[in-house]
Structure formats: C-alpha cells, structure tokens
Amino acid sequence: MKDTRQALIQAAVVALNSDESATIEHIADQAGVTRRTVHRYFNDRNTLLQECKQTMLRVCNHSMITAYQSSQQPAVQLENMFYAALEVGIQYSFVKKVAKRQQYADLLDNQELAYDDVKTNWFKLVEQLQQQGAISSKLSIPWIYNLFGGMVDIAIEAHQAGDVARNDIKSFSWASFKGSIGLQ
C-alpha cells in the first residue's frame, strides 16, 4: 500500500514537472493505474500535489543538506550541492517550480520551510565565494541561483532525450555552470 502511494507520488512528480496542469487522469496514466486508484490514495489533485511537494522537499532537503555539510570549503560545498541537485533530478526541478524561485530578499525573511534554509545556505555560499573573488561579482546571486537551477533542468532534459551520455552529464553540466559564473 505504501509502495503504491509512493509510486503515485513519483508518477505525479514526473507528470506535473512536464505539465503543471496535468490532470488526475494524466497522472494515473503515468503511473499505469486507473483514476480510481489515484483517488483511493488521494482525495483530489490538490491533496496529491501537497503530498508531492512535501515528499520532494524532504528528498531534496536531505540530499542538499548532506552535500552542504560535506565540506568546509565553499567551492566544494557548492559543487557537491550541484551534484546533489543532479542526483535528485526531477525531484529538484519539481521543488524548484513549486517554490517559484523566491526572491533573495524574501528568502531571508522566510524561514518556514527547511527548503528555505537550504536556499539560504546556498545563497550565503555564493555570497562568500563572491567576496573571496572566486565567483564573478558582476552576476547577482539570484541570477546565479537561476543559472544553477537552469543547468539542472538542462541536464535532466539532455538525459531524458538521450542526447548526452549519462556518464558525461555530470561533468558537462558542472563545467558549464562553473564557467558561467566564473568560478576559479
């Protein structure tokens, strides 16, 4: 029963990530079940969406916090957070869409979600790297954040399309992101 619930959440994330207006029918098709099966576990689309959001926040937060705590060196932390975002792939992309990329000023005032803590740590890392001269200060932190998320999205699309070998995606996407922000 829990496996079915998790499978429905995963299918919903895939469906909603490609089409935010995906219906229960589309989600059921993605999961290979009937609409009735989806309704057996979730009363309505909003309940399913909230469950997806909470599950993906938990998955992403765990990965990103682990990556953040992996080193004391900001450049290594940023790289590991990038790889963590790639590893959770579609989940990260979904969370990013749901969180609507809050603005930096708003983020510092909003500590309600653990995701905001992860984002705050990420923003502080980039700010620290800019102060050290390791990242170009010509780019704003919100711009760099959008580049980060955009590069993860590009990696997901390249993987799904089969355009780039899976083994190359990690190194290509990091090299591209690193170069785009002038990271030494």
Protein backbone atom coordinates (compact mmCIF):
# COMPACT_ATOMS: atom_id res chain seq x y z
CA MET A 1 0.00 0.00 0.00
CA LYS A 2 2.82 2.41 0.89
CA ASP A 3 4.64 1.34 -2.29
CA THR A 4 1.60 2.21 -4.40
CA ARG A 5 1.30 5.59 -2.68
CA GLN A 6 4.99 6.33 -3.35
CA ALA A 7 4.67 5.15 -6.96
CA LEU A 8 1.72 7.51 -7.43
CA ILE A 9 3.71 10.39 -5.95
CA GLN A 10 6.66 9.66 -8.24
CA ALA A 11 4.38 9.44 -11.27
CA ALA A 12 2.68 12.70 -10.28
CA VAL A 13 6.04 14.45 -9.94
CA VAL A 14 7.05 13.32 -13.43
CA ALA A 15 3.68 14.33 -14.91
CA LEU A 16 3.47 17.66 -13.08
CA ASN A 17 7.08 18.53 -13.83
CA SER A 18 6.41 18.29 -17.55
CA ASP A 19 2.91 19.84 -17.34
CA GLU A 20 1.95 21.73 -14.19
CA SER A 21 -1.72 21.45 -15.14
CA ALA A 22 -1.62 17.64 -15.54
CA THR A 23 -4.95 16.07 -14.61
CA ILE A 24 -5.57 13.12 -12.32
CA GLU A 25 -6.18 11.07 -15.48
CA HIS A 26 -2.78 12.01 -16.88
CA ILE A 27 -1.12 11.19 -13.56
CA ALA A 28 -2.95 7.85 -13.46
CA ASP A 29 -1.75 7.09 -17.00
CA GLN A 30 1.81 8.00 -16.00
CA ALA A 31 1.54 5.59 -13.05
CA GLY A 32 -0.10 2.87 -15.14
CA VAL A 33 -3.20 2.78 -12.93
CA THR A 34 -6.79 3.94 -13.13
CA ARG A 35 -8.13 7.25 -11.91
CA ARG A 36 -9.97 5.33 -9.18
CA THR A 37 -6.67 4.02 -7.84
CA VAL A 38 -5.32 7.55 -7.55
CA HIS A 39 -8.49 8.65 -5.73
CA ARG A 40 -8.21 5.70 -3.37
CA TYR A 41 -4.97 7.23 -2.05
CA PHE A 42 -5.62 10.95 -2.58
CA ASN A 43 -8.97 12.74 -2.25
CA ASP A 44 -8.21 15.22 -5.01
CA ARG A 45 -5.48 16.74 -7.15
CA ASN A 46 -4.61 19.38 -4.54
CA THR A 47 -4.07 16.74 -1.86
CA LEU A 48 -1.82 14.81 -4.24
CA LEU A 49 0.08 17.98 -5.16
CA GLN A 50 0.66 18.83 -1.49
CA GLU A 51 1.85 15.29 -0.78
CA CYS A 52 4.22 15.51 -3.76
CA LYS A 53 5.54 18.83 -2.55
CA GLN A 54 6.19 17.56 0.98
CA THR A 55 7.81 14.33 -0.21
CA MET A 56 10.05 16.05 -2.74
CA LEU A 57 11.02 18.76 -0.25
CA ARG A 58 12.06 16.02 2.16
CA VAL A 59 14.09 14.18 -0.51
CA CYS A 60 15.76 17.31 -1.83
CA ASN A 61 16.46 18.81 1.58
CA HIS A 62 18.13 15.64 2.77
CA SER A 63 20.38 15.49 -0.29
CA MET A 64 21.22 19.19 -0.27
CA ILE A 65 21.92 19.34 3.48
CA THR A 66 24.20 16.32 3.21
CA ALA A 67 26.04 17.99 0.33
CA TYR A 68 26.30 21.30 2.21
CA GLN A 69 27.75 19.56 5.25
CA SER A 70 30.22 17.54 3.17
CA SER A 71 32.99 20.13 3.36
CA GLN A 72 34.06 23.37 4.98
CA GLN A 73 35.28 24.78 1.65
CA PRO A 74 32.58 26.90 -0.03
CA ALA A 75 33.57 25.93 -3.60
CA VAL A 76 33.45 22.23 -2.72
CA GLN A 77 30.13 22.71 -0.93
CA LEU A 78 28.66 24.45 -3.98
CA GLU A 79 29.91 21.71 -6.30
CA ASN A 80 28.52 18.99 -4.04
CA MET A 81 25.17 20.79 -3.82
CA PHE A 82 25.14 20.95 -7.62
CA TYR A 83 25.77 17.21 -7.85
CA ALA A 84 23.09 16.57 -5.22
CA ALA A 85 20.60 18.56 -7.29
CA LEU A 86 21.56 16.49 -10.34
CA GLU A 87 21.15 13.24 -8.40
CA VAL A 88 17.62 14.05 -7.32
CA GLY A 89 17.00 15.48 -10.79
CA ILE A 90 13.29 15.66 -11.45
CA GLN A 91 12.51 15.99 -7.75
CA TYR A 92 14.76 19.06 -7.54
CA SER A 93 13.22 20.53 -10.65
CA PHE A 94 9.73 19.95 -9.25
CA VAL A 95 10.56 21.52 -5.88
CA LYS A 96 12.14 24.48 -7.64
CA LYS A 97 8.98 25.02 -9.69
CA VAL A 98 6.71 24.66 -6.68
CA ALA A 99 8.81 27.04 -4.59
CA LYS A 100 8.62 29.52 -7.51
CA ARG A 101 12.21 30.68 -7.03
CA GLN A 102 11.51 33.16 -4.27
CA GLN A 103 13.46 36.38 -4.47
CA TYR A 104 16.60 36.69 -2.35
CA ALA A 105 15.22 39.47 -0.12
CA ASP A 106 12.04 37.49 0.56
CA LEU A 107 14.03 34.37 1.27
CA LEU A 108 15.99 35.90 4.13
CA ASP A 109 12.74 36.81 5.91
CA ASN A 110 11.06 33.43 5.36
CA GLN A 111 12.31 30.55 7.49
CA GLU A 112 9.12 28.46 7.46
CA LEU A 113 10.39 25.61 5.30
CA ALA A 114 13.58 23.62 5.58
CA TYR A 115 13.91 24.24 1.85
CA ASP A 116 14.32 27.92 2.59
CA ASP A 117 17.16 27.05 4.98
CA VAL A 118 18.87 25.11 2.20
CA LYS A 119 18.37 28.02 -0.19
CA THR A 120 19.63 30.48 2.43
CA ASN A 121 22.78 28.38 2.90
CA TRP A 122 23.21 28.22 -0.86
CA PHE A 123 22.85 31.99 -1.20
CA LYS A 124 25.37 32.53 1.62
CA LEU A 125 27.85 30.19 -0.08
CA VAL A 126 27.64 32.13 -3.32
CA GLU A 127 27.93 35.43 -1.47
CA GLN A 128 31.01 34.14 0.36
CA LEU A 129 32.58 32.95 -2.90
CA GLN A 130 31.92 36.34 -4.46
CA GLN A 131 33.53 38.11 -1.51
CA GLN A 132 36.57 35.85 -1.89
CA GLY A 133 36.72 36.70 -5.60
CA ALA A 134 36.16 33.06 -6.61
CA ILE A 135 32.89 33.89 -8.40
CA SER A 136 32.30 36.91 -10.59
CA SER A 137 30.66 39.71 -8.62
CA LYS A 138 29.23 41.06 -11.88
CA LEU A 139 26.46 38.47 -11.55
CA SER A 140 23.75 38.86 -8.92
CA ILE A 141 23.14 35.99 -6.52
CA PRO A 142 19.55 35.48 -7.74
CA TRP A 143 20.90 35.30 -11.32
CA ILE A 144 23.42 32.64 -10.28
CA TYR A 145 20.64 30.74 -8.48
CA ASN A 146 18.60 30.71 -11.68
CA LEU A 147 21.66 29.54 -13.65
CA PHE A 148 22.11 26.72 -11.12
CA GLY A 149 18.50 25.56 -11.49
CA GLY A 150 18.55 26.07 -15.23
CA MET A 151 21.65 23.94 -15.62
CA VAL A 152 19.99 21.16 -13.61
CA ASP A 153 16.93 21.43 -15.89
CA ILE A 154 19.16 21.23 -18.99
CA ALA A 155 20.90 18.15 -17.59
CA ILE A 156 17.53 16.49 -16.92
CA GLU A 157 16.33 17.28 -20.45
CA ALA A 158 19.58 16.02 -22.02
CA HIS A 159 19.32 12.79 -20.03
CA GLN A 160 15.66 12.25 -20.91
CA ALA A 161 16.28 12.98 -24.60
CA GLY A 162 19.30 10.69 -24.68
CA ASP A 163 21.32 13.46 -26.35
CA VAL A 164 24.26 13.14 -23.96
CA ALA A 165 25.76 10.01 -22.43
CA ARG A 166 24.62 9.63 -18.82
CA ASN A 167 28.23 9.47 -17.62
CA ASP A 168 29.04 12.80 -19.28
CA ILE A 169 26.08 14.77 -17.98
CA LYS A 170 27.57 15.34 -14.53
CA SER A 171 30.92 16.66 -15.75
CA PHE A 172 29.47 18.63 -18.68
CA SER A 173 26.84 20.35 -16.58
CA TRP A 174 29.26 21.23 -13.74
CA ALA A 175 31.84 22.57 -16.21
CA SER A 176 29.13 24.66 -17.88
CA PHE A 177 27.76 26.05 -14.62
CA LYS A 178 31.22 26.69 -13.18
CA GLY A 179 32.27 28.51 -16.34
CA SER A 180 29.08 30.55 -16.50
CA ILE A 181 29.69 32.05 -13.05
CA GLY A 182 33.44 32.49 -13.44
CA LEU A 183 34.27 30.05 -10.64
CA GLN A 184 38.03 29.64 -10.44
